[in-house]
Amino acid sequence: MEFSLIAQTLDILEKTSSKIQQAAALAALFKKTSTNVIDKVVYIILGILWPDWRGMPELGIAEKGIQKAISMATGTQEAEVEKLYKSLGDYGLAIERIKSGRPSKTMGLAGFIKNSRATPSKSLTVDEVYSTFVKIASLQGEGSRDMKLRLLSAILAKAEAKEAKYIVRFVEGRLRLGVGEATVMDGLASAFGIPRDVIERTYNIYPDLGAIAKIIAEKGVSEIKYIKPTPGIPLRPMLAERASDPNEILTKAGSPALAEFKYDGERAQIHKKENRVWIFSRRLEEITHQYPDVVEMVLKHVNAFEAIIEGEIITVDPETGDFRPFQELMHRKRKKDIHEALKEYPVIVKVFDCLYVDGLDLTTKPLTERKEMLKRIIVESEVFSLADGIVITTPRELETFFLKAIENGCEGLVIKSLSPDSIYQAGVRGWLWIKYKRDYKSEMSDTVDLVVVGAFHGRGKRAGTFGALLLAAYDPESNRFKTVCKVGTGFTDEELASLPKKLEPYRIPFKHQRVDSDIEVDVWFEPVLVMEVSGAELTLSPLHTCCKGWIKPDVGISIRFPRFIRWREDKSPNEATTTKEMYEMYLKQMKKIEKIAPVGEEI
């Protein structure tokens, strides 16, 4: 299959923001795609080599390397490539301009050099491009940089202008399409005549769209219905809605309901197959290497040949046994000597769900059955035990247990439905689980998780770093990020000083196409990093785009006196607080104000 078919589709996707049209373009591509490469086509569209949970490799070519590879491939002086990049702000556009034979005003005709290497001699294939990416990613050690550049320049030399544009963008990790898994699923459903929800259900328990596409193409639709949870392959986690009123919580969840401690730790999906253990984060990243002690616990305390369970890994004070905050646990990610980290940040595990045991798919079973199986296979100890929880029937019982959770150093509670339909909804956020956190007791009904999209240079004492960061909420309907506030307080001096270095990998010369902002910043970033923020209250703002026009024309929702709490390295940008959640929080806040001061009275 020729790579030009993918390049043509990527060009269509880039030029349209309509999800319906994007899905139609993908469907057309999938219909033309050979069954033996459809998985690779899906991965390339998503800008990945394979699913993240398999261990996403770094291609390891920085901007200067890309610049050099373009120079090598086209015979253009590096200085001229750099000029063109600065003019266009995109290496993909730069090589497309060079390969198409259209000099820029910046370069001038004299600086525009072409030779035979810039002229494709034979069509590129999907296999050839994909295998080159894999080779580049696999090269390590001495001399690997030069080999990576030779591989990249060779394929760029062979590529047509548009093909080269997207090859470069893939290597940069910036396809700029605004296409995610949902749109790809729409395209597959249309191409193969499959109900969209069948693909999504399969993807939630087997998150590999490339593999799913290949199974459908090679074996037919019926085959994916037999896919079940598999040890070593993470399921997308079930997520909870949020509420702050005990009466509302019990109305939504039903009574009786199960209330469990919400620990301030790292949510972990733990897989066991005989003597092999895998641990995945809520983002489906394999984190087994960070927790060799948990691996030993699982082998000792999980009495099953095969099992997939969920729990919370919590770091504790080795002297007192008290829970330590989540931030302390993150030191395990940064410690080079993991054995030293085991001593400094010992952990315990609290298990709260069971998804699979010895061939039995429990995701379709109600919570009561999953809990019974969990009790059957877990051998409890001080370091590995079931989550603390009780069955509650009244708001008073809920509030009392909530206070107990706070006293024990937890964030709050998760209330879970015990109804017959309380299945494990992988990848779904719903009212079967409800978060009730202590932050709901603050003036703003909850802390929020927002994505960094821009920054403002600091002045005075903050010269040399950033004075404030521009943050945004996620809008799943448009797959875009809408600005909410600027935050510049809550950081320690050390955190402030480290901001430029922390954010540098995500710096871009222009506003990201998935960011909606009416505010101009000094520096733009890719919407990748997530931080937790508190504030005094939610307010209306003509400056911000979050929920703009939802409450009043031309105004959005913002946060008054926002304050940095912590980085949420365990969350992806698409798991940030949504615009809908911001809107609902604002409405609840206004209802509280109305109760305090009826309409017409001063507040």
Foldseek 3Di string as FASTA:
>chain_A
DFCVLLLVLLVVLLVDLDLVVNLQSLLVSLLVDDLVCQLLSVQLVALFLWDCLVPGFQLPADPLLLLVLLCLQFVADSVLLVQQCVVVQASLVSQLCLLVPHHDPRCDPVRRDGDLLSPADDTHHSVLLSVLSVQSRPQDDPPSSVVNSVSLSNVNSNDHSSSNSSSSCSNLSHSQRLDDPLSSLSNLCVNQVHPSVLLVQLCQQAVTVSVVSSCCVPPNDVVSNPDFHDFPGHGQAEAEAADAALVVLCVLQPPFWKKFFAAQFWKWKWKAAQLDIWIAGNVSHTPCVLCVVVSVQCNVWFAANIWIFIKGKFWADPVPRATDHHVLSCVSVVDPPSVVVCVVTPIAIATEFTQDGDHDGQLQFARVVRVVVVVVGGDDDPRYYHTDMDTDGDSVVQVVVQVVSVVRVTQGIKIAHRDRRRGGPRPYYDSRIYDHGPQCVALQRHKFKWWFWAFAADDDVLHPFTQWTWTFAAAVVSRATWTADIERAADDPVRRNCHCVVQVSFWGPDGRPRYDFPDDHPTTGDRWWMFIKDANYKDKALGIDLCAPVVHHNIHIYGHHIHTDGTPPSDTRNPTHHSVNSVVSNVVSVVVVCVVPPPPDDD
